Amino acid sequence: MFIDYESPKTTSKTVWFNGETEDGKKFTIVSNWDEWDDWTANSSDLMWDGEEGTEEESQEIIHEFLNEMNG
């Protein structure tokens, strides 16, 4: 039997991205990537650390994230 451990292929992954708003509110985006859809995230994938932001702030953060990651 042979298993090629030297050349694995990543087809999907989940990554946590930490961030902070201009006014100091900290958050984490939990985003998924796969080779078919690129990066995906929505406001329910954003977790606030401490002081919560508004739904508008959450949507703005996710919009900026997706624009940056999926170009």
C-alpha atoms as a PDB file:
ATOM      1  CA  MET A   1       0.000   0.000   0.000  1.00  0.00           C
ATOM      2  CA  PHE A   2       1.128   3.553  -0.737  1.00  0.00           C
ATOM      3  CA  ILE A   3      -0.279   6.756   0.762  1.00  0.00           C
ATOM      4  CA  ASP A   4       1.189  10.011  -0.556  1.00  0.00           C
ATOM      5  CA  TYR A   5       1.673  12.055   2.607  1.00  0.00           C
ATOM      6  CA  GLU A   6       4.039  14.484   0.868  1.00  0.00           C
ATOM      7  CA  SER A   7       1.521  15.955  -1.615  1.00  0.00           C
ATOM      8  CA  PRO A   8      -1.887  16.357   0.037  1.00  0.00           C
ATOM      9  CA  LYS A   9      -4.558  18.425  -1.705  1.00  0.00           C
ATOM     10  CA  THR A  10      -6.656  20.830   0.330  1.00  0.00           C
ATOM     11  CA  THR A  11     -10.180  21.099  -1.047  1.00  0.00           C
ATOM     12  CA  SER A  12     -11.820  22.890   1.901  1.00  0.00           C
ATOM     13  CA  LYS A  13     -10.913  24.474   5.211  1.00  0.00           C
ATOM     14  CA  THR A  14     -12.321  26.528   8.081  1.00  0.00           C
ATOM     15  CA  VAL A  15     -10.279  29.490   9.334  1.00  0.00           C
ATOM     16  CA  TRP A  16     -10.826  31.929  12.216  1.00  0.00           C
ATOM     17  CA  PHE A  17      -9.853  35.563  11.454  1.00  0.00           C
ATOM     18  CA  ASN A  18      -9.510  37.999  14.377  1.00  0.00           C
ATOM     19  CA  GLY A  19     -10.209  41.691  13.848  1.00  0.00           C
ATOM     20  CA  GLU A  20     -11.066  44.988  15.492  1.00  0.00           C
ATOM     21  CA  THR A  21     -13.266  47.902  14.440  1.00  0.00           C
ATOM     22  CA  GLU A  22     -11.982  51.472  14.343  1.00  0.00           C
ATOM     23  CA  ASP A  23     -13.632  52.119  17.713  1.00  0.00           C
ATOM     24  CA  GLY A  24     -11.954  49.110  19.357  1.00  0.00           C
ATOM     25  CA  LYS A  25     -14.651  46.413  19.231  1.00  0.00           C
ATOM     26  CA  LYS A  26     -12.970  43.029  18.791  1.00  0.00           C
ATOM     27  CA  PHE A  27     -14.443  40.232  16.692  1.00  0.00           C
ATOM     28  CA  THR A  28     -13.703  36.904  15.043  1.00  0.00           C
ATOM     29  CA  ILE A  29     -14.915  35.797  11.617  1.00  0.00           C
ATOM     30  CA  VAL A  30     -15.261  32.041  11.177  1.00  0.00           C
ATOM     31  CA  SER A  31     -15.060  31.486   7.436  1.00  0.00           C
ATOM     32  CA  ASN A  32     -15.040  28.469   5.183  1.00  0.00           C
ATOM     33  CA  TRP A  33     -13.100  28.109   1.968  1.00  0.00           C
ATOM     34  CA  ASP A  34     -13.488  25.471  -0.683  1.00  0.00           C
ATOM     35  CA  GLU A  35     -12.189  25.210  -4.213  1.00  0.00           C
ATOM     36  CA  TRP A  36     -15.703  25.554  -5.665  1.00  0.00           C
ATOM     37  CA  ASP A  37     -17.092  28.605  -3.798  1.00  0.00           C
ATOM     38  CA  ASP A  38     -13.960  30.388  -2.519  1.00  0.00           C
ATOM     39  CA  TRP A  39     -14.459  32.077   0.890  1.00  0.00           C
ATOM     40  CA  THR A  40     -17.935  32.223   2.408  1.00  0.00           C
ATOM     41  CA  ALA A  41     -19.205  34.024   5.498  1.00  0.00           C
ATOM     42  CA  ASN A  42     -22.293  35.850   6.716  1.00  0.00           C
ATOM     43  CA  SER A  43     -23.118  37.910   9.792  1.00  0.00           C
ATOM     44  CA  SER A  44     -23.943  34.782  11.814  1.00  0.00           C
ATOM     45  CA  ASP A  45     -20.303  33.710  11.270  1.00  0.00           C
ATOM     46  CA  LEU A  46     -19.067  36.787  13.144  1.00  0.00           C
ATOM     47  CA  MET A  47     -18.535  36.565  16.907  1.00  0.00           C
ATOM     48  CA  TRP A  48     -18.040  39.656  19.032  1.00  0.00           C
ATOM     49  CA  ASP A  49     -15.511  39.533  21.888  1.00  0.00           C
ATOM     50  CA  GLY A  50     -16.927  41.715  24.642  1.00  0.00           C
ATOM     51  CA  GLU A  51     -18.871  44.728  23.423  1.00  0.00           C
ATOM     52  CA  GLU A  52     -21.262  43.696  20.657  1.00  0.00           C
ATOM     53  CA  GLY A  53     -21.506  45.588  17.410  1.00  0.00           C
ATOM     54  CA  THR A  54     -24.668  46.362  15.494  1.00  0.00           C
ATOM     55  CA  GLU A  55     -26.107  44.203  12.711  1.00  0.00           C
ATOM     56  CA  GLU A  56     -25.059  46.963  10.296  1.00  0.00           C
ATOM     57  CA  GLU A  57     -21.455  46.760  11.555  1.00  0.00           C
ATOM     58  CA  SER A  58     -21.523  42.965  11.224  1.00  0.00           C
ATOM     59  CA  GLN A  59     -22.735  43.170   7.628  1.00  0.00           C
ATOM     60  CA  GLU A  60     -20.126  45.816   6.784  1.00  0.00           C
ATOM     61  CA  ILE A  61     -17.335  43.666   8.244  1.00  0.00           C
ATOM     62  CA  ILE A  62     -18.461  40.564   6.350  1.00  0.00           C
ATOM     63  CA  HIS A  63     -18.830  42.557   3.121  1.00  0.00           C
ATOM     64  CA  GLU A  64     -15.291  43.966   3.475  1.00  0.00           C
ATOM     65  CA  PHE A  65     -13.912  40.515   4.342  1.00  0.00           C
ATOM     66  CA  LEU A  66     -15.479  38.819   1.303  1.00  0.00           C
ATOM     67  CA  ASN A  67     -14.372  41.625  -1.045  1.00  0.00           C
ATOM     68  CA  GLU A  68     -10.796  41.297   0.190  1.00  0.00           C
ATOM     69  CA  MET A  69     -10.642  37.508   0.209  1.00  0.00           C
ATOM     70  CA  ASN A  70     -12.496  36.793  -3.031  1.00  0.00           C
ATOM     71  CA  GLY A  71     -11.284  39.906  -4.864  1.00  0.00           C
END
